[in-house]
Amino acid sequence: MASADVMPPVTAGGDTTVMDRARERGLSWDMLAGRGGNGRAANLTARGGEGTRMLHAEPDGDGGWDLTYREWRKPTLREYNGPGIHPFGVFGWMADRMRGDAETWIPVDRGHADDDGQLLDTAAGWCGTD
C-alpha cells in the first residue's frame, strides 16, 4: 500500500483541517470508525488527555454532528445499571467500589452541532479549554 492510498481523517463536512483547528483550541482527539457510513467519529478531550470530560461526536450524515457529553468519574448506582456501563449491575458496582477502580466515561447528556465550527466551540466549552 502506498502512502497516497491512506486517507486522512475526514470530518462530517468533509474537512480534513478541523482536527488541526481542534489542536489550536487546546483539544486532543481520537478518530474512531463511524456508524452507518457517515464518516468517522471523534473523541475530543483536553490536550494531553488530562481532562475529566470528553465530547464524543459522530457524523449525522448531513454535515453536522451527534454529540455525547461524557465525564470520567465513578458512576452512581443508577448510571452503573445503564446500558454499556457494567453487565453485573449492583454487584459489579459494589465490587468495583470496594476495589476502588470504578472510574469510567459516563454519558451525561446528548446534543447536536450543526457544523465543525460549532463542534469545536462545544467541545472546548465542555472540556474546559476555552
Protein backbone atom coordinates (compact mmCIF):
# COMPACT_ATOMS: atom_id res chain seq x y z
CA MET A 1 0.00 0.00 0.00
CA ALA A 2 1.40 3.38 -0.98
CA SER A 3 1.15 6.40 1.32
CA ALA A 4 -1.14 8.02 -1.26
CA ASP A 5 -3.64 5.20 -0.58
CA VAL A 6 -4.10 6.25 3.05
CA MET A 7 -6.99 8.68 3.56
CA PRO A 8 -6.57 11.37 6.22
CA PRO A 9 -9.34 11.68 8.81
CA VAL A 10 -12.36 13.32 7.19
CA THR A 11 -14.96 15.06 9.30
CA ALA A 12 -18.71 15.19 8.82
CA GLY A 13 -18.39 18.12 6.45
CA GLY A 14 -15.51 16.55 4.50
CA ASP A 15 -12.97 18.91 6.10
CA THR A 16 -9.54 17.44 6.87
CA THR A 17 -8.33 20.57 8.70
CA VAL A 18 -10.84 20.54 11.54
CA MET A 19 -8.62 18.35 13.71
CA ASP A 20 -5.77 20.85 13.31
CA ARG A 21 -8.24 23.53 14.39
CA ALA A 22 -9.12 21.34 17.38
CA ARG A 23 -5.47 21.28 18.47
CA GLU A 24 -5.37 25.07 18.21
CA ARG A 25 -8.33 25.17 20.62
CA GLY A 26 -6.42 23.06 23.18
CA LEU A 27 -8.19 19.81 22.32
CA SER A 28 -6.75 16.40 21.59
CA TRP A 29 -8.72 13.85 19.59
CA ASP A 30 -9.02 10.20 18.65
CA MET A 31 -10.67 9.16 15.41
CA LEU A 32 -12.95 6.14 15.53
CA ALA A 33 -14.96 4.17 13.00
CA GLY A 34 -18.29 5.91 12.45
CA ARG A 35 -21.71 4.33 12.17
CA GLY A 36 -23.69 3.85 9.00
CA GLY A 37 -21.07 5.06 6.55
CA ASN A 38 -21.49 8.70 7.63
CA GLY A 39 -17.77 9.19 8.23
CA ARG A 40 -15.53 8.84 11.23
CA ALA A 41 -16.47 9.54 14.83
CA ALA A 42 -14.20 11.51 17.13
CA ASN A 43 -13.46 11.70 20.84
CA LEU A 44 -12.37 15.21 21.82
CA THR A 45 -10.69 15.78 25.20
CA ALA A 46 -8.42 18.37 26.80
CA ARG A 47 -4.97 18.35 25.23
CA GLY A 48 -2.74 15.69 26.74
CA GLY A 49 -5.70 13.65 27.94
CA GLU A 50 -5.57 15.04 31.49
CA GLY A 51 -9.16 16.23 31.36
CA THR A 52 -12.08 14.59 33.11
CA ARG A 53 -14.51 15.45 30.31
CA MET A 54 -14.84 14.13 26.76
CA LEU A 55 -17.11 15.00 23.87
CA HIS A 56 -17.89 12.02 21.65
CA ALA A 57 -19.02 13.19 18.20
CA GLU A 58 -20.50 11.10 15.40
CA PRO A 59 -21.32 12.49 11.93
CA ASP A 60 -25.05 12.80 11.38
CA GLY A 61 -24.80 12.36 7.60
CA ASP A 62 -25.86 15.96 6.90
CA GLY A 63 -22.62 17.82 7.68
CA GLY A 64 -23.34 18.04 11.41
CA TRP A 65 -22.52 16.00 14.49
CA ASP A 66 -24.47 13.99 17.07
CA LEU A 67 -22.79 14.60 20.44
CA THR A 68 -22.47 12.64 23.67
CA TYR A 69 -21.09 14.56 26.66
CA ARG A 70 -19.05 12.27 28.94
CA GLU A 71 -17.37 12.60 32.33
CA TRP A 72 -14.59 10.42 33.75
CA ARG A 73 -15.72 9.53 37.26
CA LYS A 74 -17.25 6.87 39.44
CA PRO A 75 -20.82 6.24 38.32
CA THR A 76 -23.81 6.36 40.60
CA LEU A 77 -25.64 3.06 41.04
CA ARG A 78 -28.35 4.22 38.63
CA GLU A 79 -25.75 5.11 35.98
CA TYR A 80 -23.92 1.83 36.59
CA ASN A 81 -27.05 -0.10 35.69
CA GLY A 82 -27.35 1.87 32.45
CA PRO A 83 -26.60 0.35 29.05
CA GLY A 84 -22.95 -0.27 28.33
CA ILE A 85 -21.64 0.53 31.80
CA HIS A 86 -21.49 -2.83 33.57
CA PRO A 87 -23.16 -6.18 32.88
CA PHE A 88 -23.37 -7.15 36.57
CA GLY A 89 -25.43 -4.24 37.84
CA VAL A 90 -25.41 -3.61 41.58
CA PHE A 91 -22.99 -6.49 42.31
CA GLY A 92 -20.45 -5.18 39.84
CA TRP A 93 -20.91 -1.67 41.21
CA MET A 94 -20.25 -2.83 44.80
CA ALA A 95 -17.23 -4.89 43.76
CA ASP A 96 -15.71 -2.02 41.80
CA ARG A 97 -16.33 0.40 44.68
CA MET A 98 -14.58 -1.94 47.11
CA ARG A 99 -11.60 -2.26 44.75
CA GLY A 100 -11.63 1.49 44.09
CA ASP A 101 -11.43 1.11 40.31
CA ALA A 102 -14.94 2.10 39.25
CA GLU A 103 -13.99 5.18 37.21
CA THR A 104 -15.21 5.15 33.63
CA TRP A 105 -16.51 7.51 30.92
CA ILE A 106 -20.12 8.19 31.92
CA PRO A 107 -22.51 9.61 29.28
CA VAL A 108 -24.29 12.51 30.99
CA ASP A 109 -26.05 14.34 28.14
CA ARG A 110 -26.63 14.36 24.39
CA GLY A 111 -26.66 17.20 21.88
CA HIS A 112 -26.07 18.24 18.30
CA ALA A 113 -23.67 20.52 16.42
CA ASP A 114 -24.72 21.86 13.03
CA ASP A 115 -21.17 22.09 11.66
CA ASP A 116 -17.49 21.63 12.50
CA GLY A 117 -17.12 25.12 13.99
CA GLN A 118 -19.98 24.55 16.41
CA LEU A 119 -18.49 21.15 17.29
CA LEU A 120 -15.16 22.76 18.24
CA ASP A 121 -16.85 25.54 20.24
CA THR A 122 -18.96 22.99 22.12
CA ALA A 123 -16.01 20.67 22.77
CA ALA A 124 -13.78 23.50 24.02
CA GLY A 125 -16.53 24.67 26.36
CA TRP A 126 -17.29 21.18 27.70
CA CYS A 127 -13.66 20.11 28.10
CA GLY A 128 -12.67 23.40 29.70
CA THR A 129 -10.12 24.62 27.18
CA ASP A 130 -11.86 27.96 26.49
